[in-house]
Amino acid sequence: MERVIFGRTGLEAGRTGFGCIPIQRISYGESTVLLRRAYEGGVTVYDTANGYTTSEERIGIALGGVRANVVLCTKSGAQKPSDLTAHLENSLKMMRTDYIDVFQFHNPASVPLPGGEDGLYDALLAAKAQGKVRFIGISSHKREVAEKAVTSDLYDVLQYPFSYLSTDAEMAVAELCRTHNVGILGMKALCGGILTNARAAFAFLRKYENIIPIWGMQEIPQLEELLSYEDNPPAWDDDLQAVIDADRAELSGAFCRACGYCLPCPANIPIPMAARMTFLLGRMRKDVLQSEDWQANMRRIDDCADCGHCKANCPYELDVPALLRQHRDDYFKQLNPREKG
C-alpha cells in the first residue's frame, strides 16, 4: 500500500484508512475478521470515538496483538476535563493499549485553546505529558472551526469532510493543512452513502497527497474493492469525470451528510436516512427502502413539531425540517397508489 508521512506527527501511514463507525453494526466475530483483513492488506490508520458504542472494544480485540504497527485515532466530545480524562481512560482500556496515537476533540462548537475556561486543551496536554496521548487532533464539520484549528498551530491532525462534492473553499482546507504541516483524516468520502462510486471517490481523493481518507466499511467486499485500488490505482479519465459531474449536478448544495448530530429526534424520525431518502432510492435496494417499516418511518415526519433541535445541531446549518418534508413528499410520490395507503 502507498504510504505517506502524516503531517508533523512524522508517522508513516497507509493512504487508505479505516473509519470504524460501521463495525458497530456487525457481530464481534465479523468485525474481527474485517479488521484483521484490513491490517493484512496494509491498512494502518483506524479512526473511532468514545461515543461509537462498541467500536473501540472491537478494535482492541482485533488489533491488540499488533498495536505497535497501527495508528489508533479516537475522539471525545467531553465538555469538561474530568469527562475527557474518563473518556481517554476508557479508550485505553477498550483498545488494549497504554497510549493513543491521535486523540481528537470531537466536533466542538469552538476550538479548544490552552488556558481556555473549559480546561479541555490543558487536560489533553497533561495526558500527553503522561505519555497517554502522542498527538492532539480535532474533528470538525465546520470550515471556520477547521481553519482556526489549523492556523493556530496547536493541532497535529485535523479530521474534516472531503469528497468530490466538496466546494472549492472546503477543498482549500487541504492546502491550508499542507502549509501548516497538519495531518488530515478525510471523513465522509462517500457522503454517508449518497455516493456509490468508490472508484471515482478514491481517484479524486488520491490527487490530494496529504489526505488519508477513512473509509467506513462493514463488509469484506467493500474492503477488498478499496484494497484493489491500492494495487491498481484508477486512472483519471473522462468516464470518471462524467460520474463526478453527474453526481455534482444532482447532489451539490443543501443535502444531508448523515453525520447524525441532529439526533435524537423527539418525534423518533430517523433523520439521517429520511433527509436523504430521494437520493438513496436511486442508490440502494428499493424493496428495503419502500417496505412497510420505512413507509412508517417516513410518515413520522408528519409528527415533526419544528422543535428546532435538528436545525440547531446541524453542522451544515441546513433547514432540516424542510428537507425532511421535501423527501417525504418525493418518497410517497414514487410509491404506487396501493403502497400509499
C-alpha atoms as a PDB file:
ATOM      1  CA  MET A   1       0.000   0.000   0.000  1.00  0.00           C
ATOM      2  CA  GLU A   2       1.196   3.512  -0.800  1.00  0.00           C
ATOM      3  CA  ARG A   3       2.318   5.296   2.360  1.00  0.00           C
ATOM      4  CA  VAL A   4       2.516   8.938   3.392  1.00  0.00           C
ATOM      5  CA  ILE A   5       4.057  10.931   6.245  1.00  0.00           C
ATOM      6  CA  PHE A   6       1.129  12.047   8.396  1.00  0.00           C
ATOM      7  CA  GLY A   7       1.905  15.741   8.725  1.00  0.00           C
ATOM      8  CA  ARG A   8       4.012  16.923  11.644  1.00  0.00           C
ATOM      9  CA  THR A   9       3.333  13.710  13.545  1.00  0.00           C
ATOM     10  CA  GLY A  10       6.094  12.109  11.487  1.00  0.00           C
ATOM     11  CA  LEU A  11       4.060   8.894  11.446  1.00  0.00           C
ATOM     12  CA  GLU A  12       4.263   6.863   8.247  1.00  0.00           C
ATOM     13  CA  ALA A  13       0.822   5.575   7.383  1.00  0.00           C
ATOM     14  CA  GLY A  14      -1.014   3.787   4.601  1.00  0.00           C
ATOM     15  CA  ARG A  15      -3.096   6.141   2.466  1.00  0.00           C
ATOM     16  CA  THR A  16      -6.252   4.083   2.909  1.00  0.00           C
ATOM     17  CA  GLY A  17      -7.618   4.492   6.419  1.00  0.00           C
ATOM     18  CA  PHE A  18     -10.433   2.660   8.204  1.00  0.00           C
ATOM     19  CA  GLY A  19     -13.376   4.576   9.688  1.00  0.00           C
ATOM     20  CA  CYS A  20     -14.761   2.365  12.437  1.00  0.00           C
ATOM     21  CA  ILE A  21     -18.337   3.601  12.855  1.00  0.00           C
ATOM     22  CA  PRO A  22     -19.867   0.772  10.747  1.00  0.00           C
ATOM     23  CA  ILE A  23     -18.237  -2.101  12.647  1.00  0.00           C
ATOM     24  CA  GLN A  24     -20.753  -1.490  15.459  1.00  0.00           C
ATOM     25  CA  ARG A  25     -23.447  -2.915  13.170  1.00  0.00           C
ATOM     26  CA  ILE A  26     -21.946  -6.366  12.674  1.00  0.00           C
ATOM     27  CA  SER A  27     -21.068  -9.191  15.045  1.00  0.00           C
ATOM     28  CA  TYR A  28     -17.861  -9.224  17.058  1.00  0.00           C
ATOM     29  CA  GLY A  29     -16.617 -12.161  15.006  1.00  0.00           C
ATOM     30  CA  GLU A  30     -17.311 -10.397  11.724  1.00  0.00           C
ATOM     31  CA  SER A  31     -15.638  -7.182  12.876  1.00  0.00           C
ATOM     32  CA  THR A  32     -12.548  -9.118  13.977  1.00  0.00           C
ATOM     33  CA  VAL A  33     -12.242 -10.799  10.570  1.00  0.00           C
ATOM     34  CA  LEU A  34     -12.779  -7.483   8.786  1.00  0.00           C
ATOM     35  CA  LEU A  35     -10.248  -5.517  10.834  1.00  0.00           C
ATOM     36  CA  ARG A  36      -7.609  -8.229  10.594  1.00  0.00           C
ATOM     37  CA  ARG A  37      -8.052  -8.471   6.835  1.00  0.00           C
ATOM     38  CA  ALA A  38      -7.635  -4.688   6.630  1.00  0.00           C
ATOM     39  CA  TYR A  39      -4.411  -4.927   8.599  1.00  0.00           C
ATOM     40  CA  GLU A  40      -3.140  -7.747   6.385  1.00  0.00           C
ATOM     41  CA  GLY A  41      -3.973  -5.581   3.367  1.00  0.00           C
ATOM     42  CA  GLY A  42      -1.779  -2.737   4.600  1.00  0.00           C
ATOM     43  CA  VAL A  43      -4.302  -0.527   6.399  1.00  0.00           C
ATOM     44  CA  THR A  44      -2.546   1.103   9.356  1.00  0.00           C
ATOM     45  CA  VAL A  45      -4.837   4.011  10.359  1.00  0.00           C
ATOM     46  CA  TYR A  46      -8.002   3.238  12.348  1.00  0.00           C
ATOM     47  CA  ASP A  47     -10.313   6.018  13.492  1.00  0.00           C
ATOM     48  CA  THR A  48     -13.074   5.694  16.076  1.00  0.00           C
ATOM     49  CA  ALA A  49     -14.587   7.615  19.005  1.00  0.00           C
ATOM     50  CA  ASN A  50     -15.547   7.084  22.602  1.00  0.00           C
ATOM     51  CA  GLY A  51     -19.166   7.616  21.601  1.00  0.00           C
ATOM     52  CA  TYR A  52     -19.227   4.875  18.941  1.00  0.00           C
ATOM     53  CA  THR A  53     -20.621   2.241  21.344  1.00  0.00           C
ATOM     54  CA  THR A  54     -18.518  -0.947  20.965  1.00  0.00           C
ATOM     55  CA  SER A  55     -16.197   0.261  18.193  1.00  0.00           C
ATOM     56  CA  GLU A  56     -13.133   0.818  20.384  1.00  0.00           C
ATOM     57  CA  GLU A  57     -13.570  -2.541  22.082  1.00  0.00           C
ATOM     58  CA  ARG A  58     -13.747  -4.324  18.737  1.00  0.00           C
ATOM     59  CA  ILE A  59     -10.533  -2.632  17.598  1.00  0.00           C
ATOM     60  CA  GLY A  60      -8.818  -3.789  20.763  1.00  0.00           C
ATOM     61  CA  ILE A  61      -9.951  -7.373  20.247  1.00  0.00           C
ATOM     62  CA  ALA A  62      -8.850  -7.484  16.610  1.00  0.00           C
ATOM     63  CA  LEU A  63      -5.679  -5.413  16.658  1.00  0.00           C
ATOM     64  CA  GLY A  64      -4.391  -5.538  20.221  1.00  0.00           C
ATOM     65  CA  GLY A  65      -1.748  -8.036  19.192  1.00  0.00           C
ATOM     66  CA  VAL A  66      -0.313  -5.736  16.505  1.00  0.00           C
ATOM     67  CA  ARG A  67      -0.669  -2.478  18.407  1.00  0.00           C
ATOM     68  CA  ALA A  68       2.829  -1.219  17.628  1.00  0.00           C
ATOM     69  CA  ASN A  69       2.159  -1.455  13.874  1.00  0.00           C
ATOM     70  CA  VAL A  70      -1.036   0.611  13.682  1.00  0.00           C
ATOM     71  CA  VAL A  71      -2.086   4.235  14.215  1.00  0.00           C
ATOM     72  CA  LEU A  72      -5.058   4.435  16.571  1.00  0.00           C
ATOM     73  CA  CYS A  73      -7.149   7.608  16.454  1.00  0.00           C
ATOM     74  CA  THR A  74     -10.116   8.255  18.706  1.00  0.00           C
ATOM     75  CA  LYS A  75     -12.200  11.193  19.917  1.00  0.00           C
ATOM     76  CA  SER A  76     -14.036  12.645  22.894  1.00  0.00           C
ATOM     77  CA  GLY A  77     -16.966  15.033  22.890  1.00  0.00           C
ATOM     78  CA  ALA A  78     -16.392  15.868  26.571  1.00  0.00           C
ATOM     79  CA  GLN A  79     -17.372  19.314  27.773  1.00  0.00           C
ATOM     80  CA  LYS A  80     -15.242  19.303  30.927  1.00  0.00           C
ATOM     81  CA  PRO A  81     -11.759  17.998  31.777  1.00  0.00           C
ATOM     82  CA  SER A  82     -12.885  15.251  34.155  1.00  0.00           C
ATOM     83  CA  ASP A  83     -15.100  13.722  31.455  1.00  0.00           C
ATOM     84  CA  LEU A  84     -12.339  13.985  28.859  1.00  0.00           C
ATOM     85  CA  THR A  85      -9.946  12.159  31.178  1.00  0.00           C
ATOM     86  CA  ALA A  86     -12.564   9.470  31.842  1.00  0.00           C
ATOM     87  CA  HIS A  87     -13.141   9.043  28.115  1.00  0.00           C
ATOM     88  CA  LEU A  88      -9.413   8.721  27.499  1.00  0.00           C
ATOM     89  CA  GLU A  89      -9.004   6.092  30.204  1.00  0.00           C
ATOM     90  CA  ASN A  90     -11.924   4.127  28.766  1.00  0.00           C
ATOM     91  CA  SER A  91     -10.452   4.339  25.265  1.00  0.00           C
ATOM     92  CA  LEU A  92      -7.124   2.990  26.518  1.00  0.00           C
ATOM     93  CA  LYS A  93      -8.877   0.111  28.254  1.00  0.00           C
ATOM     94  CA  MET A  94     -11.169  -0.767  25.335  1.00  0.00           C
ATOM     95  CA  MET A  95      -8.415  -0.655  22.705  1.00  0.00           C
ATOM     96  CA  ARG A  96      -5.995  -2.606  24.899  1.00  0.00           C
ATOM     97  CA  THR A  97      -3.228  -0.044  24.724  1.00  0.00           C
ATOM     98  CA  ASP A  98      -1.371   2.328  27.022  1.00  0.00           C
ATOM     99  CA  TYR A  99      -1.327   5.215  24.540  1.00  0.00           C
ATOM    100  CA  ILE A 100      -3.485   6.758  21.813  1.00  0.00           C
ATOM    101  CA  ASP A 101      -1.656   7.978  18.728  1.00  0.00           C
ATOM    102  CA  VAL A 102      -4.118  10.776  17.892  1.00  0.00           C
ATOM    103  CA  PHE A 103      -6.693  11.885  20.453  1.00  0.00           C
ATOM    104  CA  GLN A 104      -9.193  14.324  18.960  1.00  0.00           C
ATOM    105  CA  PHE A 105     -11.756  16.786  20.234  1.00  0.00           C
ATOM    106  CA  HIS A 106     -14.987  15.510  18.681  1.00  0.00           C
ATOM    107  CA  ASN A 107     -16.682  18.244  16.606  1.00  0.00           C
ATOM    108  CA  PRO A 108     -16.515  21.034  19.205  1.00  0.00           C
ATOM    109  CA  ALA A 109     -18.512  24.233  18.655  1.00  0.00           C
ATOM    110  CA  SER A 110     -15.293  26.230  19.005  1.00  0.00           C
ATOM    111  CA  VAL A 111     -11.575  25.444  19.031  1.00  0.00           C
ATOM    112  CA  PRO A 112     -10.242  24.418  22.475  1.00  0.00           C
ATOM    113  CA  LEU A 113      -7.209  26.529  23.370  1.00  0.00           C
ATOM    114  CA  PRO A 114      -4.524  26.453  26.061  1.00  0.00           C
ATOM    115  CA  GLY A 115      -5.656  28.358  29.128  1.00  0.00           C
ATOM    116  CA  GLY A 116      -9.266  28.231  27.966  1.00  0.00           C
ATOM    117  CA  GLU A 117     -12.046  28.415  30.535  1.00  0.00           C
ATOM    118  CA  ASP A 118     -13.218  24.928  29.599  1.00  0.00           C
ATOM    119  CA  GLY A 119      -9.822  23.466  30.520  1.00  0.00           C
ATOM    120  CA  LEU A 120     -10.068  20.847  27.778  1.00  0.00           C
ATOM    121  CA  TYR A 121      -6.863  21.570  25.861  1.00  0.00           C
ATOM    122  CA  ASP A 122      -4.854  21.747  29.060  1.00  0.00           C
ATOM    123  CA  ALA A 123      -6.289  18.385  30.162  1.00  0.00           C
ATOM    124  CA  LEU A 124      -5.158  16.828  26.895  1.00  0.00           C
ATOM    125  CA  LEU A 125      -1.729  18.416  27.251  1.00  0.00           C
ATOM    126  CA  ALA A 126      -1.473  16.802  30.688  1.00  0.00           C
ATOM    127  CA  ALA A 127      -2.387  13.418  29.188  1.00  0.00           C
ATOM    128  CA  LYS A 128       0.248  13.930  26.508  1.00  0.00           C
ATOM    129  CA  ALA A 129       2.862  14.707  29.166  1.00  0.00           C
ATOM    130  CA  GLN A 130       1.924  11.412  30.846  1.00  0.00           C
ATOM    131  CA  GLY A 131       2.523   9.528  27.602  1.00  0.00           C
ATOM    132  CA  LYS A 132      -1.115   8.528  27.206  1.00  0.00           C
ATOM    133  CA  VAL A 133      -1.573  10.653  24.073  1.00  0.00           C
ATOM    134  CA  ARG A 134       1.029  11.160  21.357  1.00  0.00           C
ATOM    135  CA  PHE A 135      -0.644  13.804  19.206  1.00  0.00           C
ATOM    136  CA  ILE A 136      -3.566  16.204  19.592  1.00  0.00           C
ATOM    137  CA  GLY A 137      -6.253  16.387  16.932  1.00  0.00           C
ATOM    138  CA  ILE A 138      -9.660  17.863  16.273  1.00  0.00           C
ATOM    139  CA  SER A 139     -12.597  16.763  14.116  1.00  0.00           C
ATOM    140  CA  SER A 140     -14.983  19.296  12.660  1.00  0.00           C
ATOM    141  CA  HIS A 141     -17.732  19.609  10.095  1.00  0.00           C
ATOM    142  CA  LYS A 142     -17.464  23.413  10.064  1.00  0.00           C
ATOM    143  CA  ARG A 143     -14.908  25.037   7.801  1.00  0.00           C
ATOM    144  CA  GLU A 144     -14.428  28.077  10.054  1.00  0.00           C
ATOM    145  CA  VAL A 145     -13.601  25.868  13.060  1.00  0.00           C
ATOM    146  CA  ALA A 146     -11.290  23.674  10.971  1.00  0.00           C
ATOM    147  CA  GLU A 147      -9.396  26.650   9.578  1.00  0.00           C
ATOM    148  CA  LYS A 148      -8.978  28.227  13.014  1.00  0.00           C
ATOM    149  CA  ALA A 149      -7.640  24.965  14.440  1.00  0.00           C
ATOM    150  CA  VAL A 150      -5.140  24.533  11.605  1.00  0.00           C
ATOM    151  CA  THR A 151      -3.837  28.102  11.658  1.00  0.00           C
ATOM    152  CA  SER A 152      -3.490  28.036  15.463  1.00  0.00           C
ATOM    153  CA  ASP A 153      -0.614  25.550  15.034  1.00  0.00           C
ATOM    154  CA  LEU A 154      -1.861  23.829  18.204  1.00  0.00           C
ATOM    155  CA  TYR A 155      -3.201  20.754  16.422  1.00  0.00           C
ATOM    156  CA  ASP A 156      -1.243  17.960  14.814  1.00  0.00           C
ATOM    157  CA  VAL A 157      -4.202  16.391  12.978  1.00  0.00           C
ATOM    158  CA  LEU A 158      -7.476  17.632  11.510  1.00  0.00           C
ATOM    159  CA  GLN A 159     -10.388  15.387  10.644  1.00  0.00           C
ATOM    160  CA  TYR A 160     -12.675  17.055   8.113  1.00  0.00           C
ATOM    161  CA  PRO A 161     -15.133  16.008   5.365  1.00  0.00           C
ATOM    162  CA  PHE A 162     -13.537  15.678   1.922  1.00  0.00           C
ATOM    163  CA  SER A 163     -15.262  14.276  -1.151  1.00  0.00           C
ATOM    164  CA  TYR A 164     -15.813  15.175  -4.758  1.00  0.00           C
ATOM    165  CA  LEU A 165     -18.956  17.034  -3.661  1.00  0.00           C
ATOM    166  CA  SER A 166     -16.846  19.388  -1.525  1.00  0.00           C
ATOM    167  CA  THR A 167     -16.742  23.028  -2.608  1.00  0.00           C
ATOM    168  CA  ASP A 168     -13.534  24.730  -3.672  1.00  0.00           C
ATOM    169  CA  ALA A 169     -13.446  26.521  -0.299  1.00  0.00           C
ATOM    170  CA  GLU A 170     -13.765  23.203   1.537  1.00  0.00           C
ATOM    171  CA  MET A 171     -11.043  21.553  -0.531  1.00  0.00           C
ATOM    172  CA  ALA A 172      -8.786  24.552   0.152  1.00  0.00           C
ATOM    173  CA  VAL A 173      -8.583  23.307   3.749  1.00  0.00           C
ATOM    174  CA  ALA A 174      -6.318  20.530   2.469  1.00  0.00           C
ATOM    175  CA  GLU A 175      -3.822  23.068   1.155  1.00  0.00           C
ATOM    176  CA  LEU A 176      -4.030  25.009   4.416  1.00  0.00           C
ATOM    177  CA  CYS A 177      -3.142  21.824   6.267  1.00  0.00           C
ATOM    178  CA  ARG A 178      -0.214  21.201   3.934  1.00  0.00           C
ATOM    179  CA  THR A 179       1.085  24.720   4.579  1.00  0.00           C
ATOM    180  CA  HIS A 180       0.898  24.219   8.352  1.00  0.00           C
ATOM    181  CA  ASN A 181       2.110  20.599   8.191  1.00  0.00           C
ATOM    182  CA  VAL A 182      -1.078  19.288   9.780  1.00  0.00           C
ATOM    183  CA  GLY A 183      -2.092  15.691   9.068  1.00  0.00           C
ATOM    184  CA  ILE A 184      -5.537  15.142   7.562  1.00  0.00           C
ATOM    185  CA  LEU A 185      -8.069  12.408   8.193  1.00  0.00           C
ATOM    186  CA  GLY A 186     -10.637  12.753   5.416  1.00  0.00           C
ATOM    187  CA  MET A 187     -14.111  11.713   6.527  1.00  0.00           C
ATOM    188  CA  LYS A 188     -17.320  11.351   4.513  1.00  0.00           C
ATOM    189  CA  ALA A 189     -15.524  10.324   1.313  1.00  0.00           C
ATOM    190  CA  LEU A 190     -18.818   8.781   0.166  1.00  0.00           C
ATOM    191  CA  CYS A 191     -21.010  11.388   1.906  1.00  0.00           C
ATOM    192  CA  GLY A 192     -22.584   8.889   4.250  1.00  0.00           C
ATOM    193  CA  GLY A 193     -23.576   6.528   1.431  1.00  0.00           C
ATOM    194  CA  ILE A 194     -25.043   9.017  -1.045  1.00  0.00           C
ATOM    195  CA  LEU A 195     -22.042   8.492  -3.320  1.00  0.00           C
ATOM    196  CA  THR A 196     -21.822   4.918  -4.549  1.00  0.00           C
ATOM    197  CA  ASN A 197     -18.903   5.016  -6.968  1.00  0.00           C
ATOM    198  CA  ALA A 198     -15.960   4.235  -4.682  1.00  0.00           C
ATOM    199  CA  ARG A 199     -13.616   4.123  -7.669  1.00  0.00           C
ATOM    200  CA  ALA A 200     -14.382   7.743  -8.537  1.00  0.00           C
ATOM    201  CA  ALA A 201     -14.161   8.798  -4.889  1.00  0.00           C
ATOM    202  CA  PHE A 202     -10.814   7.028  -4.476  1.00  0.00           C
ATOM    203  CA  ALA A 203      -9.358   8.573  -7.627  1.00  0.00           C
ATOM    204  CA  PHE A 204     -10.493  12.072  -6.664  1.00  0.00           C
ATOM    205  CA  LEU A 205      -9.031  11.964  -3.149  1.00  0.00           C
ATOM    206  CA  ARG A 206      -5.800  10.326  -4.296  1.00  0.00           C
ATOM    207  CA  LYS A 207      -4.993  13.596  -6.074  1.00  0.00           C
ATOM    208  CA  TYR A 208      -4.521  15.187  -2.637  1.00  0.00           C
ATOM    209  CA  GLU A 209      -1.304  13.698  -1.312  1.00  0.00           C
ATOM    210  CA  ASN A 210      -1.789  14.762   2.332  1.00  0.00           C
ATOM    211  CA  ILE A 211      -5.311  13.343   2.811  1.00  0.00           C
ATOM    212  CA  ILE A 212      -5.782   9.920   4.390  1.00  0.00           C
ATOM    213  CA  PRO A 213      -9.431   9.028   3.728  1.00  0.00           C
ATOM    214  CA  ILE A 214     -11.027   6.968   6.498  1.00  0.00           C
ATOM    215  CA  TRP A 215     -13.424   4.741   4.614  1.00  0.00           C
ATOM    216  CA  GLY A 216     -16.402   3.394   6.567  1.00  0.00           C
ATOM    217  CA  MET A 217     -16.571  -0.355   5.890  1.00  0.00           C
ATOM    218  CA  GLN A 218     -18.591  -3.198   7.356  1.00  0.00           C
ATOM    219  CA  GLU A 219     -18.243  -5.889   4.696  1.00  0.00           C
ATOM    220  CA  ILE A 220     -15.264  -7.710   3.219  1.00  0.00           C
ATOM    221  CA  PRO A 221     -16.223  -6.870  -0.418  1.00  0.00           C
ATOM    222  CA  GLN A 222     -16.156  -3.139   0.427  1.00  0.00           C
ATOM    223  CA  LEU A 223     -12.685  -3.525   1.878  1.00  0.00           C
ATOM    224  CA  GLU A 224     -11.416  -5.659  -0.995  1.00  0.00           C
ATOM    225  CA  GLU A 225     -12.611  -3.099  -3.525  1.00  0.00           C
ATOM    226  CA  LEU A 226     -10.579  -0.346  -1.872  1.00  0.00           C
ATOM    227  CA  LEU A 227      -7.535  -2.592  -1.496  1.00  0.00           C
ATOM    228  CA  SER A 228      -7.775  -3.405  -5.201  1.00  0.00           C
ATOM    229  CA  TYR A 229      -7.497   0.316  -5.977  1.00  0.00           C
ATOM    230  CA  GLU A 230      -4.314   0.447  -3.902  1.00  0.00           C
ATOM    231  CA  ASP A 231      -2.892  -2.336  -6.070  1.00  0.00           C
ATOM    232  CA  ASN A 232      -4.143  -0.768  -9.297  1.00  0.00           C
ATOM    233  CA  PRO A 233      -4.949   2.936  -8.778  1.00  0.00           C
ATOM    234  CA  PRO A 234      -7.735   4.046 -11.128  1.00  0.00           C
ATOM    235  CA  ALA A 235      -6.514   6.380 -13.841  1.00  0.00           C
ATOM    236  CA  TRP A 236      -8.247   9.716 -14.046  1.00  0.00           C
ATOM    237  CA  ASP A 237     -10.229   9.674 -17.282  1.00  0.00           C
ATOM    238  CA  ASP A 238     -13.320  11.079 -18.970  1.00  0.00           C
ATOM    239  CA  ASP A 239     -15.543   8.312 -17.600  1.00  0.00           C
ATOM    240  CA  LEU A 240     -14.636   9.140 -14.000  1.00  0.00           C
ATOM    241  CA  GLN A 241     -15.082  12.837 -14.642  1.00  0.00           C
ATOM    242  CA  ALA A 242     -18.535  12.149 -16.112  1.00  0.00           C
ATOM    243  CA  VAL A 243     -19.557  10.233 -12.969  1.00  0.00           C
ATOM    244  CA  ILE A 244     -18.397  13.081 -10.774  1.00  0.00           C
ATOM    245  CA  ASP A 245     -20.051  15.747 -12.925  1.00  0.00           C
ATOM    246  CA  ALA A 246     -23.374  13.891 -12.828  1.00  0.00           C
ATOM    247  CA  ASP A 247     -23.267  13.468  -9.057  1.00  0.00           C
ATOM    248  CA  ARG A 248     -22.305  17.086  -8.534  1.00  0.00           C
ATOM    249  CA  ALA A 249     -25.198  18.241 -10.715  1.00  0.00           C
ATOM    250  CA  GLU A 250     -27.669  16.129  -8.742  1.00  0.00           C
ATOM    251  CA  LEU A 251     -26.342  16.407  -5.213  1.00  0.00           C
ATOM    252  CA  SER A 252     -24.394  19.606  -4.676  1.00  0.00           C
ATOM    253  CA  GLY A 253     -25.975  22.140  -2.376  1.00  0.00           C
ATOM    254  CA  ALA A 254     -28.246  21.589   0.611  1.00  0.00           C
ATOM    255  CA  PHE A 255     -28.031  17.871   1.284  1.00  0.00           C
ATOM    256  CA  CYS A 256     -27.690  15.805   4.451  1.00  0.00           C
ATOM    257  CA  ARG A 257     -24.240  14.271   5.032  1.00  0.00           C
ATOM    258  CA  ALA A 258     -25.597  11.780   7.618  1.00  0.00           C
ATOM    259  CA  CYS A 259     -23.301  12.982  10.405  1.00  0.00           C
ATOM    260  CA  GLY A 260     -26.048  12.276  12.966  1.00  0.00           C
ATOM    261  CA  TYR A 261     -25.618  15.377  15.120  1.00  0.00           C
ATOM    262  CA  CYS A 262     -29.323  16.121  14.637  1.00  0.00           C
ATOM    263  CA  LEU A 263     -30.228  13.121  16.799  1.00  0.00           C
ATOM    264  CA  PRO A 264     -32.039  12.185  18.947  1.00  0.00           C
ATOM    265  CA  CYS A 265     -35.281  13.384  17.390  1.00  0.00           C
ATOM    266  CA  PRO A 266     -38.200  13.879  19.836  1.00  0.00           C
ATOM    267  CA  ALA A 267     -40.567  12.554  17.163  1.00  0.00           C
ATOM    268  CA  ASN A 268     -38.343   9.492  16.621  1.00  0.00           C
ATOM    269  CA  ILE A 269     -37.708  10.419  12.985  1.00  0.00           C
ATOM    270  CA  PRO A 270     -34.583   8.645  11.576  1.00  0.00           C
ATOM    271  CA  ILE A 271     -33.333  11.953  10.221  1.00  0.00           C
ATOM    272  CA  PRO A 272     -30.007  10.945   8.582  1.00  0.00           C
ATOM    273  CA  MET A 273     -31.787   8.452   6.333  1.00  0.00           C
ATOM    274  CA  ALA A 274     -35.102  10.267   5.934  1.00  0.00           C
ATOM    275  CA  ALA A 275     -33.474  13.561   4.936  1.00  0.00           C
ATOM    276  CA  ARG A 276     -31.657  11.794   2.060  1.00  0.00           C
ATOM    277  CA  MET A 277     -34.353   9.337   1.025  1.00  0.00           C
ATOM    278  CA  THR A 278     -34.897  10.624  -2.519  1.00  0.00           C
ATOM    279  CA  PHE A 279     -31.192  10.170  -3.267  1.00  0.00           C
ATOM    280  CA  LEU A 280     -30.950   6.810  -1.516  1.00  0.00           C
ATOM    281  CA  LEU A 281     -33.841   5.336  -3.502  1.00  0.00           C
ATOM    282  CA  GLY A 282     -31.695   5.581  -6.605  1.00  0.00           C
ATOM    283  CA  ARG A 283     -28.684   4.033  -4.910  1.00  0.00           C
ATOM    284  CA  MET A 284     -29.981   1.314  -2.572  1.00  0.00           C
ATOM    285  CA  ARG A 285     -32.466  -1.531  -2.719  1.00  0.00           C
ATOM    286  CA  LYS A 286     -35.947  -0.097  -3.215  1.00  0.00           C
ATOM    287  CA  ASP A 287     -37.620  -3.169  -1.742  1.00  0.00           C
ATOM    288  CA  VAL A 288     -35.962  -2.316   1.573  1.00  0.00           C
ATOM    289  CA  LEU A 289     -36.490   1.445   1.489  1.00  0.00           C
ATOM    290  CA  GLN A 290     -40.107   1.094   0.324  1.00  0.00           C
ATOM    291  CA  SER A 291     -41.005  -1.539   2.923  1.00  0.00           C
ATOM    292  CA  GLU A 292     -43.861  -1.036   5.366  1.00  0.00           C
ATOM    293  CA  ASP A 293     -41.342  -0.194   8.085  1.00  0.00           C
ATOM    294  CA  TRP A 294     -39.771   2.557   6.046  1.00  0.00           C
ATOM    295  CA  GLN A 295     -43.133   3.912   4.970  1.00  0.00           C
ATOM    296  CA  ALA A 296     -43.951   4.202   8.672  1.00  0.00           C
ATOM    297  CA  ASN A 297     -40.619   5.915   9.298  1.00  0.00           C
ATOM    298  CA  MET A 298     -41.280   8.469   6.583  1.00  0.00           C
ATOM    299  CA  ARG A 299     -44.809   9.124   7.913  1.00  0.00           C
ATOM    300  CA  ARG A 300     -43.253  10.095  11.251  1.00  0.00           C
ATOM    301  CA  ILE A 301     -42.152  13.283   9.522  1.00  0.00           C
ATOM    302  CA  ASP A 302     -45.802  14.372   9.843  1.00  0.00           C
ATOM    303  CA  ASP A 303     -45.176  14.470  13.611  1.00  0.00           C
ATOM    304  CA  CYS A 304     -42.314  16.980  13.337  1.00  0.00           C
ATOM    305  CA  ALA A 305     -43.089  19.822  15.734  1.00  0.00           C
ATOM    306  CA  ASP A 306     -40.339  22.130  14.482  1.00  0.00           C
ATOM    307  CA  CYS A 307     -38.730  21.977  17.920  1.00  0.00           C
ATOM    308  CA  GLY A 308     -35.507  23.357  16.475  1.00  0.00           C
ATOM    309  CA  HIS A 309     -33.183  20.662  17.854  1.00  0.00           C
ATOM    310  CA  CYS A 310     -32.054  19.330  14.465  1.00  0.00           C
ATOM    311  CA  LYS A 311     -31.521  22.780  12.944  1.00  0.00           C
ATOM    312  CA  ALA A 312     -29.557  23.990  15.962  1.00  0.00           C
ATOM    313  CA  ASN A 313     -27.263  20.960  15.889  1.00  0.00           C
ATOM    314  CA  CYS A 314     -26.706  20.611  12.130  1.00  0.00           C
ATOM    315  CA  PRO A 315     -23.052  21.497  11.393  1.00  0.00           C
ATOM    316  CA  TYR A 316     -24.067  22.452   7.849  1.00  0.00           C
ATOM    317  CA  GLU A 317     -26.841  24.820   9.001  1.00  0.00           C
ATOM    318  CA  LEU A 318     -29.461  23.001   6.943  1.00  0.00           C
ATOM    319  CA  ASP A 319     -33.178  23.626   7.282  1.00  0.00           C
ATOM    320  CA  VAL A 320     -33.669  20.026   8.358  1.00  0.00           C
ATOM    321  CA  PRO A 321     -37.482  20.066   8.788  1.00  0.00           C
ATOM    322  CA  ALA A 322     -37.856  21.481   5.283  1.00  0.00           C
ATOM    323  CA  LEU A 323     -35.531  18.802   3.886  1.00  0.00           C
ATOM    324  CA  LEU A 324     -37.490  16.089   5.674  1.00  0.00           C
ATOM    325  CA  ARG A 325     -40.801  17.276   4.246  1.00  0.00           C
ATOM    326  CA  GLN A 326     -39.332  17.536   0.757  1.00  0.00           C
ATOM    327  CA  HIS A 327     -38.002  13.982   0.880  1.00  0.00           C
ATOM    328  CA  ARG A 328     -41.228  12.704   2.434  1.00  0.00           C
ATOM    329  CA  ASP A 329     -43.275  14.169  -0.420  1.00  0.00           C
ATOM    330  CA  ASP A 330     -40.897  12.844  -3.083  1.00  0.00           C
ATOM    331  CA  TYR A 331     -40.802   9.446  -1.384  1.00  0.00           C
ATOM    332  CA  PHE A 332     -44.558   8.911  -1.432  1.00  0.00           C
ATOM    333  CA  LYS A 333     -44.832  10.193  -4.998  1.00  0.00           C
ATOM    334  CA  GLN A 334     -42.691   7.229  -6.015  1.00  0.00           C
ATOM    335  CA  LEU A 335     -44.952   4.680  -4.338  1.00  0.00           C
ATOM    336  CA  ASN A 336     -47.875   3.242  -6.251  1.00  0.00           C
ATOM    337  CA  PRO A 337     -51.429   4.020  -5.024  1.00  0.00           C
ATOM    338  CA  ARG A 338     -51.697   0.723  -3.140  1.00  0.00           C
ATOM    339  CA  GLU A 339     -48.478   1.405  -1.230  1.00  0.00           C
ATOM    340  CA  LYS A 340     -49.558   4.940  -0.403  1.00  0.00           C
ATOM    341  CA  GLY A 341     -52.453   3.531   1.545  1.00  0.00           C
END
